[in-house]
Amino acid sequence: MKIRATVPVLLAALAVAGCEATTLTKPEYPTKSVGVLSRTWEVVQVADTPVTYRATRDWNNLNPYGPPPRRRSVQAATAIQQATGCRVIWSSMYENISGQFYSQVSCPPSVASGS
């Protein structure tokens, strides 16, 4: 009986491990690292239409003696602006349960055309 009980658990664990290994970004979108208030943020484009970026804070290298903290949403918006050169559309910004920020951006014509 114990073998039958462990097989579904093993299959579920393999399924979860497979889900965690999948990447949700396209490989042609490079990840950029930027620093905001002595904190490192990773910014990557996740969608073409509308142009949406994801900002994720590096939680491994926290400096408790750094500059005074600001709201994470402000830091994420600053990170996206530094990485892209585009303005964040605040009404489109949201945070998921993992602490990642997603936002659409509005780029000036010179940045949008790539020149």
PDB file of N, CA and C in Angstrom:
ATOM      1  N   MET A   1       0.806  -1.201   0.000  1.00  0.00           N
ATOM      2  CA  MET A   1       0.000   0.000   0.000  1.00  0.00           C
ATOM      3  C   MET A   1       0.847   1.262   0.000  1.00  0.00           C
ATOM      4  N   LYS A   2       1.987   1.213   0.654  1.00  0.00           N
ATOM      5  CA  LYS A   2       2.819   2.404   0.702  1.00  0.00           C
ATOM      6  C   LYS A   2       3.359   2.762  -0.675  1.00  0.00           C
ATOM      7  N   ILE A   3       3.608   1.775  -1.504  1.00  0.00           N
ATOM      8  CA  ILE A   3       4.110   2.056  -2.845  1.00  0.00           C
ATOM      9  C   ILE A   3       3.057   2.802  -3.651  1.00  0.00           C
ATOM     10  N   ARG A   4       1.828   2.402  -3.552  1.00  0.00           N
ATOM     11  CA  ARG A   4       0.760   3.082  -4.287  1.00  0.00           C
ATOM     12  C   ARG A   4       0.588   4.522  -3.813  1.00  0.00           C
ATOM     13  N   ALA A   5       0.784   4.767  -2.553  1.00  0.00           N
ATOM     14  CA  ALA A   5       0.613   6.121  -2.020  1.00  0.00           C
ATOM     15  C   ALA A   5       1.763   7.032  -2.440  1.00  0.00           C
ATOM     16  N   THR A   6       2.957   6.470  -2.601  1.00  0.00           N
ATOM     17  CA  THR A   6       4.100   7.313  -2.938  1.00  0.00           C
ATOM     18  C   THR A   6       4.189   7.629  -4.426  1.00  0.00           C
ATOM     19  N   VAL A   7       3.614   6.805  -5.272  1.00  0.00           N
ATOM     20  CA  VAL A   7       3.675   7.052  -6.713  1.00  0.00           C
ATOM     21  C   VAL A   7       2.990   8.365  -7.087  1.00  0.00           C
ATOM     22  N   PRO A   8       1.759   8.642  -6.630  1.00  0.00           N
ATOM     23  CA  PRO A   8       1.153   9.940  -6.973  1.00  0.00           C
ATOM     24  C   PRO A   8       1.941  11.123  -6.411  1.00  0.00           C
ATOM     25  N   VAL A   9       2.495  10.947  -5.229  1.00  0.00           N
ATOM     26  CA  VAL A   9       3.286  12.026  -4.635  1.00  0.00           C
ATOM     27  C   VAL A   9       4.537  12.271  -5.473  1.00  0.00           C
ATOM     28  N   LEU A  10       5.177  11.208  -5.927  1.00  0.00           N
ATOM     29  CA  LEU A  10       6.363  11.338  -6.764  1.00  0.00           C
ATOM     30  C   LEU A  10       6.023  11.999  -8.095  1.00  0.00           C
ATOM     31  N   LEU A  11       4.927  11.605  -8.702  1.00  0.00           N
ATOM     32  CA  LEU A  11       4.503  12.219  -9.960  1.00  0.00           C
ATOM     33  C   LEU A  11       4.179  13.697  -9.780  1.00  0.00           C
ATOM     34  N   ALA A  12       3.532  14.035  -8.682  1.00  0.00           N
ATOM     35  CA  ALA A  12       3.217  15.441  -8.414  1.00  0.00           C
ATOM     36  C   ALA A  12       4.496  16.252  -8.218  1.00  0.00           C
ATOM     37  N   ALA A  13       5.470  15.688  -7.523  1.00  0.00           N
ATOM     38  CA  ALA A  13       6.737  16.391  -7.304  1.00  0.00           C
ATOM     39  C   ALA A  13       7.472  16.611  -8.621  1.00  0.00           C
ATOM     40  N   LEU A  14       7.457  15.625  -9.495  1.00  0.00           N
ATOM     41  CA  LEU A  14       8.092  15.790 -10.803  1.00  0.00           C
ATOM     42  C   LEU A  14       7.379  16.840 -11.640  1.00  0.00           C
ATOM     43  N   ALA A  15       6.060  16.879 -11.553  1.00  0.00           N
ATOM     44  CA  ALA A  15       5.303  17.882 -12.310  1.00  0.00           C
ATOM     45  C   ALA A  15       5.631  19.286 -11.822  1.00  0.00           C
ATOM     46  N   VAL A  16       5.716  19.460 -10.514  1.00  0.00           N
ATOM     47  CA  VAL A  16       6.042  20.772  -9.956  1.00  0.00           C
ATOM     48  C   VAL A  16       7.462  21.168 -10.341  1.00  0.00           C
ATOM     49  N   ALA A  17       8.388  20.236 -10.297  1.00  0.00           N
ATOM     50  CA  ALA A  17       9.770  20.536 -10.678  1.00  0.00           C
ATOM     51  C   ALA A  17       9.846  20.925 -12.149  1.00  0.00           C
ATOM     52  N   GLY A  18       9.062  20.280 -12.984  1.00  0.00           N
ATOM     53  CA  GLY A  18       9.032  20.633 -14.401  1.00  0.00           C
ATOM     54  C   GLY A  18       8.457  22.008 -14.629  1.00  0.00           C
ATOM     55  N   CYS A  19       7.465  22.391 -13.834  1.00  0.00           N
ATOM     56  CA  CYS A  19       6.869  23.721 -13.970  1.00  0.00           C
ATOM     57  C   CYS A  19       7.844  24.807 -13.548  1.00  0.00           C
ATOM     58  N   GLU A  20       8.620  24.548 -12.520  1.00  0.00           N
ATOM     59  CA  GLU A  20       9.572  25.544 -12.046  1.00  0.00           C
ATOM     60  C   GLU A  20      10.718  25.729 -13.029  1.00  0.00           C
ATOM     61  N   ALA A  21      11.016  24.707 -13.821  1.00  0.00           N
ATOM     62  CA  ALA A  21      12.130  24.799 -14.756  1.00  0.00           C
ATOM     63  C   ALA A  21      11.765  25.566 -16.020  1.00  0.00           C
ATOM     64  N   THR A  22      10.488  25.737 -16.280  1.00  0.00           N
ATOM     65  CA  THR A  22      10.099  26.442 -17.498  1.00  0.00           C
ATOM     66  C   THR A  22      10.316  27.931 -17.325  1.00  0.00           C
ATOM     67  N   THR A  23      10.709  28.577 -18.390  1.00  0.00           N
ATOM     68  CA  THR A  23      10.922  30.022 -18.360  1.00  0.00           C
ATOM     69  C   THR A  23       9.765  30.708 -19.063  1.00  0.00           C
ATOM     70  N   LEU A  24       9.335  31.821 -18.540  1.00  0.00           N
ATOM     71  CA  LEU A  24       8.187  32.517 -19.088  1.00  0.00           C
ATOM     72  C   LEU A  24       8.576  33.679 -19.992  1.00  0.00           C
ATOM     73  N   THR A  25       9.844  33.889 -20.206  1.00  0.00           N
ATOM     74  CA  THR A  25      10.276  34.974 -21.084  1.00  0.00           C
ATOM     75  C   THR A  25      10.853  34.389 -22.359  1.00  0.00           C
ATOM     76  N   LYS A  26      10.780  35.158 -23.412  1.00  0.00           N
ATOM     77  CA  LYS A  26      11.344  34.717 -24.682  1.00  0.00           C
ATOM     78  C   LYS A  26      12.863  34.849 -24.614  1.00  0.00           C
ATOM     79  N   PRO A  27      13.594  33.925 -25.245  1.00  0.00           N
ATOM     80  CA  PRO A  27      15.054  33.993 -25.155  1.00  0.00           C
ATOM     81  C   PRO A  27      15.658  35.227 -25.823  1.00  0.00           C
ATOM     82  N   GLU A  28      14.936  35.854 -26.746  1.00  0.00           N
ATOM     83  CA  GLU A  28      15.506  37.027 -27.416  1.00  0.00           C
ATOM     84  C   GLU A  28      15.416  38.293 -26.568  1.00  0.00           C
ATOM     85  N   TYR A  29      14.756  38.228 -25.424  1.00  0.00           N
ATOM     86  CA  TYR A  29      14.676  39.380 -24.530  1.00  0.00           C
ATOM     87  C   TYR A  29      15.797  39.289 -23.505  1.00  0.00           C
ATOM     88  N   PRO A  30      16.800  40.142 -23.592  1.00  0.00           N
ATOM     89  CA  PRO A  30      17.890  40.082 -22.617  1.00  0.00           C
ATOM     90  C   PRO A  30      17.464  40.660 -21.266  1.00  0.00           C
ATOM     91  N   THR A  31      18.065  40.147 -20.217  1.00  0.00           N
ATOM     92  CA  THR A  31      17.825  40.656 -18.872  1.00  0.00           C
ATOM     93  C   THR A  31      18.872  41.717 -18.574  1.00  0.00           C
ATOM     94  N   LYS A  32      18.421  42.848 -18.040  1.00  0.00           N
ATOM     95  CA  LYS A  32      19.339  43.930 -17.684  1.00  0.00           C
ATOM     96  C   LYS A  32      19.338  44.092 -16.169  1.00  0.00           C
ATOM     97  N   SER A  33      20.514  44.276 -15.599  1.00  0.00           N
ATOM     98  CA  SER A  33      20.647  44.535 -14.167  1.00  0.00           C
ATOM     99  C   SER A  33      20.891  46.017 -13.964  1.00  0.00           C
ATOM    100  N   VAL A  34      20.112  46.620 -13.082  1.00  0.00           N
ATOM    101  CA  VAL A  34      20.292  48.034 -12.761  1.00  0.00           C
ATOM    102  C   VAL A  34      20.299  48.191 -11.247  1.00  0.00           C
ATOM    103  N   GLY A  35      20.945  49.252 -10.785  1.00  0.00           N
ATOM    104  CA  GLY A  35      21.001  49.537  -9.363  1.00  0.00           C
ATOM    105  C   GLY A  35      20.113  50.713  -9.008  1.00  0.00           C
ATOM    106  N   VAL A  36      19.277  50.517  -8.008  1.00  0.00           N
ATOM    107  CA  VAL A  36      18.396  51.571  -7.508  1.00  0.00           C
ATOM    108  C   VAL A  36      18.550  51.602  -5.993  1.00  0.00           C
ATOM    109  N   LEU A  37      19.036  52.721  -5.464  1.00  0.00           N
ATOM    110  CA  LEU A  37      19.250  52.876  -4.021  1.00  0.00           C
ATOM    111  C   LEU A  37      20.076  51.730  -3.440  1.00  0.00           C
ATOM    112  N   SER A  38      21.172  51.400  -4.085  1.00  0.00           N
ATOM    113  CA  SER A  38      22.086  50.336  -3.653  1.00  0.00           C
ATOM    114  C   SER A  38      21.440  48.959  -3.663  1.00  0.00           C
ATOM    115  N   ARG A  39      20.365  48.802  -4.387  1.00  0.00           N
ATOM    116  CA  ARG A  39      19.710  47.509  -4.512  1.00  0.00           C
ATOM    117  C   ARG A  39      19.700  47.118  -5.988  1.00  0.00           C
ATOM    118  N   THR A  40      19.923  45.847  -6.264  1.00  0.00           N
ATOM    119  CA  THR A  40      19.996  45.368  -7.639  1.00  0.00           C
ATOM    120  C   THR A  40      18.636  44.867  -8.092  1.00  0.00           C
ATOM    121  N   TRP A  41      18.230  45.314  -9.272  1.00  0.00           N
ATOM    122  CA  TRP A  41      16.972  44.883  -9.887  1.00  0.00           C
ATOM    123  C   TRP A  41      17.277  44.263 -11.241  1.00  0.00           C
ATOM    124  N   GLU A  42      16.588  43.182 -11.568  1.00  0.00           N
ATOM    125  CA  GLU A  42      16.679  42.540 -12.876  1.00  0.00           C
ATOM    126  C   GLU A  42      15.438  42.936 -13.664  1.00  0.00           C
ATOM    127  N   VAL A  43      15.637  43.480 -14.867  1.00  0.00           N
ATOM    128  CA  VAL A  43      14.522  43.937 -15.696  1.00  0.00           C
ATOM    129  C   VAL A  43      14.553  43.174 -17.013  1.00  0.00           C
ATOM    130  N   VAL A  44      13.409  42.627 -17.409  1.00  0.00           N
ATOM    131  CA  VAL A  44      13.310  41.880 -18.657  1.00  0.00           C
ATOM    132  C   VAL A  44      11.956  42.148 -19.302  1.00  0.00           C
ATOM    133  N   GLN A  45      11.946  42.208 -20.626  1.00  0.00           N
ATOM    134  CA  GLN A  45      10.689  42.391 -21.351  1.00  0.00           C
ATOM    135  C   GLN A  45       9.973  41.049 -21.398  1.00  0.00           C
ATOM    136  N   VAL A  46       8.665  41.051 -21.128  1.00  0.00           N
ATOM    137  CA  VAL A  46       7.904  39.807 -21.110  1.00  0.00           C
ATOM    138  C   VAL A  46       6.817  39.754 -22.171  1.00  0.00           C
ATOM    139  N   ALA A  47       6.492  40.876 -22.815  1.00  0.00           N
ATOM    140  CA  ALA A  47       5.448  40.872 -23.839  1.00  0.00           C
ATOM    141  C   ALA A  47       5.732  41.949 -24.875  1.00  0.00           C
ATOM    142  N   ASP A  48       5.311  41.665 -26.116  1.00  0.00           N
ATOM    143  CA  ASP A  48       5.478  42.629 -27.205  1.00  0.00           C
ATOM    144  C   ASP A  48       4.314  43.599 -27.292  1.00  0.00           C
ATOM    145  N   THR A  49       3.098  43.078 -27.215  1.00  0.00           N
ATOM    146  CA  THR A  49       1.918  43.924 -27.377  1.00  0.00           C
ATOM    147  C   THR A  49       0.977  43.674 -26.225  1.00  0.00           C
ATOM    148  N   PRO A  50       0.783  44.592 -25.338  1.00  0.00           N
ATOM    149  CA  PRO A  50       1.523  45.840 -25.169  1.00  0.00           C
ATOM    150  C   PRO A  50       2.920  45.560 -24.601  1.00  0.00           C
ATOM    151  N   VAL A  51       3.828  46.488 -24.825  1.00  0.00           N
ATOM    152  CA  VAL A  51       5.203  46.312 -24.350  1.00  0.00           C
ATOM    153  C   VAL A  51       5.189  46.326 -22.823  1.00  0.00           C
ATOM    154  N   THR A  52       5.522  45.172 -22.239  1.00  0.00           N
ATOM    155  CA  THR A  52       5.453  45.001 -20.793  1.00  0.00           C
ATOM    156  C   THR A  52       6.799  44.504 -20.287  1.00  0.00           C
ATOM    157  N   TYR A  53       7.227  45.053 -19.161  1.00  0.00           N
ATOM    158  CA  TYR A  53       8.482  44.656 -18.540  1.00  0.00           C
ATOM    159  C   TYR A  53       8.219  44.128 -17.141  1.00  0.00           C
ATOM    160  N   ARG A  54       9.134  43.239 -16.687  1.00  0.00           N
ATOM    161  CA  ARG A  54       9.077  42.702 -15.331  1.00  0.00           C
ATOM    162  C   ARG A  54      10.338  43.129 -14.595  1.00  0.00           C
ATOM    163  N   ALA A  55      10.172  43.629 -13.378  1.00  0.00           N
ATOM    164  CA  ALA A  55      11.307  44.009 -12.530  1.00  0.00           C
ATOM    165  C   ALA A  55      11.302  43.122 -11.291  1.00  0.00           C
ATOM    166  N   THR A  56      12.447  42.497 -11.026  1.00  0.00           N
ATOM    167  CA  THR A  56      12.581  41.600  -9.886  1.00  0.00           C
ATOM    168  C   THR A  56      13.762  42.056  -9.054  1.00  0.00           C
ATOM    169  N   ARG A  57      13.551  42.210  -7.756  1.00  0.00           N
ATOM    170  CA  ARG A  57      14.622  42.657  -6.864  1.00  0.00           C
ATOM    171  C   ARG A  57      15.479  41.480  -6.436  1.00  0.00           C
ATOM    172  N   ASP A  58      16.795  41.706  -6.370  1.00  0.00           N
ATOM    173  CA  ASP A  58      17.736  40.695  -5.899  1.00  0.00           C
ATOM    174  C   ASP A  58      17.714  40.703  -4.379  1.00  0.00           C
ATOM    175  N   TRP A  59      17.162  39.648  -3.795  1.00  0.00           N
ATOM    176  CA  TRP A  59      17.027  39.575  -2.339  1.00  0.00           C
ATOM    177  C   TRP A  59      18.262  38.973  -1.675  1.00  0.00           C
ATOM    178  N   ASN A  60      19.251  38.534  -2.446  1.00  0.00           N
ATOM    179  CA  ASN A  60      20.417  37.868  -1.871  1.00  0.00           C
ATOM    180  C   ASN A  60      21.444  38.836  -1.309  1.00  0.00           C
ATOM    181  N   ASN A  61      21.512  40.034  -1.841  1.00  0.00           N
ATOM    182  CA  ASN A  61      22.558  40.971  -1.439  1.00  0.00           C
ATOM    183  C   ASN A  61      21.959  42.222  -0.802  1.00  0.00           C
ATOM    184  N   LEU A  62      21.205  42.042   0.243  1.00  0.00           N
ATOM    185  CA  LEU A  62      20.599  43.187   0.916  1.00  0.00           C
ATOM    186  C   LEU A  62      21.623  43.868   1.813  1.00  0.00           C
ATOM    187  N   ASN A  63      21.604  45.181   1.821  1.00  0.00           N
ATOM    188  CA  ASN A  63      22.516  45.962   2.642  1.00  0.00           C
ATOM    189  C   ASN A  63      21.694  46.670   3.713  1.00  0.00           C
ATOM    190  N   PRO A  64      21.726  46.182   4.951  1.00  0.00           N
ATOM    191  CA  PRO A  64      20.912  46.819   5.986  1.00  0.00           C
ATOM    192  C   PRO A  64      21.384  48.219   6.343  1.00  0.00           C
ATOM    193  N   TYR A  65      22.604  48.574   5.960  1.00  0.00           N
ATOM    194  CA  TYR A  65      23.147  49.883   6.296  1.00  0.00           C
ATOM    195  C   TYR A  65      23.154  50.820   5.094  1.00  0.00           C
ATOM    196  N   GLY A  66      22.381  50.510   4.074  1.00  0.00           N
ATOM    197  CA  GLY A  66      22.317  51.330   2.873  1.00  0.00           C
ATOM    198  C   GLY A  66      21.482  52.576   3.091  1.00  0.00           C
ATOM    199  N   PRO A  67      21.180  53.279   2.003  1.00  0.00           N
ATOM    200  CA  PRO A  67      20.376  54.491   2.106  1.00  0.00           C
ATOM    201  C   PRO A  67      18.968  54.175   2.592  1.00  0.00           C
ATOM    202  N   PRO A  68      18.233  55.184   3.029  1.00  0.00           N
ATOM    203  CA  PRO A  68      16.889  54.937   3.534  1.00  0.00           C
ATOM    204  C   PRO A  68      16.021  54.278   2.465  1.00  0.00           C
ATOM    205  N   PRO A  69      15.192  53.341   2.877  1.00  0.00           N
ATOM    206  CA  PRO A  69      14.378  52.628   1.901  1.00  0.00           C
ATOM    207  C   PRO A  69      13.274  53.500   1.320  1.00  0.00           C
ATOM    208  N   ARG A  70      12.865  53.149   0.121  1.00  0.00           N
ATOM    209  CA  ARG A  70      11.697  53.749  -0.517  1.00  0.00           C
ATOM    210  C   ARG A  70      10.746  52.619  -0.851  1.00  0.00           C
ATOM    211  N   ARG A  71       9.532  52.966  -1.190  1.00  0.00           N
ATOM    212  CA  ARG A  71       8.561  51.940  -1.548  1.00  0.00           C
ATOM    213  C   ARG A  71       9.099  51.110  -2.708  1.00  0.00           C
ATOM    214  N   ARG A  72       8.837  49.804  -2.658  1.00  0.00           N
ATOM    215  CA  ARG A  72       9.350  48.928  -3.711  1.00  0.00           C
ATOM    216  C   ARG A  72       8.755  49.260  -5.070  1.00  0.00           C
ATOM    217  N   SER A  73       7.516  49.734  -5.099  1.00  0.00           N
ATOM    218  CA  SER A  73       6.913  50.076  -6.393  1.00  0.00           C
ATOM    219  C   SER A  73       7.666  51.237  -7.048  1.00  0.00           C
ATOM    220  N   VAL A  74       8.099  52.196  -6.251  1.00  0.00           N
ATOM    221  CA  VAL A  74       8.869  53.323  -6.787  1.00  0.00           C
ATOM    222  C   VAL A  74      10.234  52.833  -7.269  1.00  0.00           C
ATOM    223  N   GLN A  75      10.862  51.944  -6.504  1.00  0.00           N
ATOM    224  CA  GLN A  75      12.144  51.385  -6.917  1.00  0.00           C
ATOM    225  C   GLN A  75      12.001  50.584  -8.210  1.00  0.00           C
ATOM    226  N   ALA A  76      10.941  49.786  -8.327  1.00  0.00           N
ATOM    227  CA  ALA A  76      10.723  48.978  -9.532  1.00  0.00           C
ATOM    228  C   ALA A  76      10.500  49.871 -10.746  1.00  0.00           C
ATOM    229  N   ALA A  77       9.717  50.931 -10.585  1.00  0.00           N
ATOM    230  CA  ALA A  77       9.477  51.856 -11.699  1.00  0.00           C
ATOM    231  C   ALA A  77      10.775  52.528 -12.124  1.00  0.00           C
ATOM    232  N   THR A  78      11.598  52.918 -11.166  1.00  0.00           N
ATOM    233  CA  THR A  78      12.887  53.531 -11.478  1.00  0.00           C
ATOM    234  C   THR A  78      13.794  52.536 -12.199  1.00  0.00           C
ATOM    235  N   ALA A  79      13.782  51.279 -11.758  1.00  0.00           N
ATOM    236  CA  ALA A  79      14.601  50.253 -12.409  1.00  0.00           C
ATOM    237  C   ALA A  79      14.170  50.040 -13.856  1.00  0.00           C
ATOM    238  N   ILE A  80      12.864  49.987 -14.106  1.00  0.00           N
ATOM    239  CA  ILE A  80      12.368  49.799 -15.475  1.00  0.00           C
ATOM    240  C   ILE A  80      12.747  51.001 -16.335  1.00  0.00           C
ATOM    241  N   GLN A  81      12.621  52.206 -15.778  1.00  0.00           N
ATOM    242  CA  GLN A  81      12.974  53.402 -16.540  1.00  0.00           C
ATOM    243  C   GLN A  81      14.465  53.437 -16.853  1.00  0.00           C
ATOM    244  N   GLN A  82      15.313  53.051 -15.902  1.00  0.00           N
ATOM    245  CA  GLN A  82      16.758  53.036 -16.146  1.00  0.00           C
ATOM    246  C   GLN A  82      17.140  51.991 -17.186  1.00  0.00           C
ATOM    247  N   ALA A  83      16.489  50.834 -17.143  1.00  0.00           N
ATOM    248  CA  ALA A  83      16.842  49.744 -18.052  1.00  0.00           C
ATOM    249  C   ALA A  83      16.342  49.974 -19.469  1.00  0.00           C
ATOM    250  N   THR A  84      15.221  50.686 -19.613  1.00  0.00           N
ATOM    251  CA  THR A  84      14.601  50.810 -20.934  1.00  0.00           C
ATOM    252  C   THR A  84      14.707  52.197 -21.542  1.00  0.00           C
ATOM    253  N   GLY A  85      14.808  53.224 -20.725  1.00  0.00           N
ATOM    254  CA  GLY A  85      14.757  54.591 -21.230  1.00  0.00           C
ATOM    255  C   GLY A  85      13.338  55.039 -21.526  1.00  0.00           C
ATOM    256  N   CYS A  86      12.368  54.251 -21.110  1.00  0.00           N
ATOM    257  CA  CYS A  86      10.952  54.553 -21.346  1.00  0.00           C
ATOM    258  C   CYS A  86      10.268  54.883 -20.024  1.00  0.00           C
ATOM    259  N   ARG A  87       9.145  55.587 -20.108  1.00  0.00           N
ATOM    260  CA  ARG A  87       8.394  55.942 -18.904  1.00  0.00           C
ATOM    261  C   ARG A  87       7.423  54.828 -18.550  1.00  0.00           C
ATOM    262  N   VAL A  88       7.306  54.561 -17.272  1.00  0.00           N
ATOM    263  CA  VAL A  88       6.376  53.543 -16.772  1.00  0.00           C
ATOM    264  C   VAL A  88       4.961  54.099 -16.797  1.00  0.00           C
ATOM    265  N   ILE A  89       4.022  53.294 -17.229  1.00  0.00           N
ATOM    266  CA  ILE A  89       2.607  53.653 -17.157  1.00  0.00           C
ATOM    267  C   ILE A  89       2.111  53.149 -15.801  1.00  0.00           C
ATOM    268  N   TRP A  90       1.975  54.067 -14.850  1.00  0.00           N
ATOM    269  CA  TRP A  90       1.667  53.699 -13.468  1.00  0.00           C
ATOM    270  C   TRP A  90       0.354  52.947 -13.328  1.00  0.00           C
ATOM    271  N   SER A  91      -0.637  53.298 -14.137  1.00  0.00           N
ATOM    272  CA  SER A  91      -1.939  52.637 -13.998  1.00  0.00           C
ATOM    273  C   SER A  91      -1.893  51.173 -14.426  1.00  0.00           C
ATOM    274  N   SER A  92      -0.835  50.769 -15.132  1.00  0.00           N
ATOM    275  CA  SER A  92      -0.724  49.374 -15.566  1.00  0.00           C
ATOM    276  C   SER A  92       0.170  48.547 -14.647  1.00  0.00           C
ATOM    277  N   MET A  93       0.827  49.174 -13.680  1.00  0.00           N
ATOM    278  CA  MET A  93       1.777  48.463 -12.830  1.00  0.00           C
ATOM    279  C   MET A  93       1.058  47.627 -11.781  1.00  0.00           C
ATOM    280  N   TYR A  94       1.549  46.394 -11.611  1.00  0.00           N
ATOM    281  CA  TYR A  94       1.030  45.538 -10.547  1.00  0.00           C
ATOM    282  C   TYR A  94       2.149  44.646 -10.032  1.00  0.00           C
ATOM    283  N   GLU A  95       1.943  44.116  -8.827  1.00  0.00           N
ATOM    284  CA  GLU A  95       2.910  43.231  -8.189  1.00  0.00           C
ATOM    285  C   GLU A  95       2.258  41.875  -7.982  1.00  0.00           C
ATOM    286  N   ASN A  96       2.978  40.802  -8.304  1.00  0.00           N
ATOM    287  CA  ASN A  96       2.421  39.476  -8.057  1.00  0.00           C
ATOM    288  C   ASN A  96       2.813  39.003  -6.663  1.00  0.00           C
ATOM    289  N   ILE A  97       2.383  37.814  -6.298  1.00  0.00           N
ATOM    290  CA  ILE A  97       2.610  37.312  -4.946  1.00  0.00           C
ATOM    291  C   ILE A  97       4.093  37.041  -4.675  1.00  0.00           C
ATOM    292  N   SER A  98       4.897  36.910  -5.722  1.00  0.00           N
ATOM    293  CA  SER A  98       6.332  36.665  -5.568  1.00  0.00           C
ATOM    294  C   SER A  98       7.150  37.942  -5.443  1.00  0.00           C
ATOM    295  N   GLY A  99       6.503  39.091  -5.483  1.00  0.00           N
ATOM    296  CA  GLY A  99       7.213  40.355  -5.350  1.00  0.00           C
ATOM    297  C   GLY A  99       7.787  40.878  -6.650  1.00  0.00           C
ATOM    298  N   GLN A 100       7.350  40.346  -7.782  1.00  0.00           N
ATOM    299  CA  GLN A 100       7.794  40.837  -9.082  1.00  0.00           C
ATOM    300  C   GLN A 100       6.808  41.890  -9.563  1.00  0.00           C
ATOM    301  N   PHE A 101       7.353  42.955 -10.146  1.00  0.00           N
ATOM    302  CA  PHE A 101       6.518  44.047 -10.637  1.00  0.00           C
ATOM    303  C   PHE A 101       6.429  43.972 -12.155  1.00  0.00           C
ATOM    304  N   TYR A 102       5.226  44.155 -12.669  1.00  0.00           N
ATOM    305  CA  TYR A 102       4.978  44.175 -14.111  1.00  0.00           C
ATOM    306  C   TYR A 102       4.399  45.528 -14.467  1.00  0.00           C
ATOM    307  N   SER A 103       4.851  46.084 -15.588  1.00  0.00           N
ATOM    308  CA  SER A 103       4.334  47.376 -16.012  1.00  0.00           C
ATOM    309  C   SER A 103       4.490  47.546 -17.513  1.00  0.00           C
ATOM    310  N   GLN A 104       3.523  48.228 -18.101  1.00  0.00           N
ATOM    311  CA  GLN A 104       3.649  48.646 -19.487  1.00  0.00           C
ATOM    312  C   GLN A 104       4.463  49.934 -19.496  1.00  0.00           C
ATOM    313  N   VAL A 105       5.084  50.220 -20.635  1.00  0.00           N
ATOM    314  CA  VAL A 105       5.910  51.418 -20.744  1.00  0.00           C
ATOM    315  C   VAL A 105       5.485  52.240 -21.946  1.00  0.00           C
ATOM    316  N   SER A 106       5.795  53.528 -21.866  1.00  0.00           N
ATOM    317  CA  SER A 106       5.550  54.455 -22.965  1.00  0.00           C
ATOM    318  C   SER A 106       6.898  55.011 -23.393  1.00  0.00           C
ATOM    319  N   CYS A 107       7.312  54.655 -24.600  1.00  0.00           N
ATOM    320  CA  CYS A 107       8.632  55.058 -25.082  1.00  0.00           C
ATOM    321  C   CYS A 107       8.529  56.249 -26.023  1.00  0.00           C
ATOM    322  N   PRO A 108       9.488  57.180 -25.943  1.00  0.00           N
ATOM    323  CA  PRO A 108       9.545  58.250 -26.939  1.00  0.00           C
ATOM    324  C   PRO A 108       9.865  57.642 -28.306  1.00  0.00           C
ATOM    325  N   PRO A 109       9.519  58.326 -29.385  1.00  0.00           N
ATOM    326  CA  PRO A 109       9.742  57.765 -30.727  1.00  0.00           C
ATOM    327  C   PRO A 109      11.191  57.361 -30.999  1.00  0.00           C
ATOM    328  N   SER A 110      12.159  58.080 -30.462  1.00  0.00           N
ATOM    329  CA  SER A 110      13.563  57.744 -30.729  1.00  0.00           C
ATOM    330  C   SER A 110      13.953  56.419 -30.079  1.00  0.00           C
ATOM    331  N   VAL A 111      13.419  56.124 -28.886  1.00  0.00           N
ATOM    332  CA  VAL A 111      13.728  54.870 -28.200  1.00  0.00           C
ATOM    333  C   VAL A 111      12.938  53.729 -28.819  1.00  0.00           C
ATOM    334  N   ALA A 112      11.684  53.984 -29.185  1.00  0.00           N
ATOM    335  CA  ALA A 112      10.824  52.935 -29.728  1.00  0.00           C
ATOM    336  C   ALA A 112      11.328  52.425 -31.069  1.00  0.00           C
ATOM    337  N   SER A 113      11.926  53.296 -31.877  1.00  0.00           N
ATOM    338  CA  SER A 113      12.407  52.868 -33.191  1.00  0.00           C
ATOM    339  C   SER A 113      13.771  52.193 -33.118  1.00  0.00           C
ATOM    340  N   GLY A 114      14.415  52.256 -31.941  1.00  0.00           N
ATOM    341  CA  GLY A 114      15.699  51.596 -31.764  1.00  0.00           C
ATOM    342  C   GLY A 114      16.891  52.412 -32.215  1.00  0.00           C
ATOM    343  N   SER A 115      16.697  53.705 -32.534  1.00  0.00           N
ATOM    344  CA  SER A 115      17.836  54.522 -32.952  1.00  0.00           C
ATOM    345  C   SER A 115      18.329  55.398 -31.840  1.00  0.00           C
TER     346      SER A 115
END
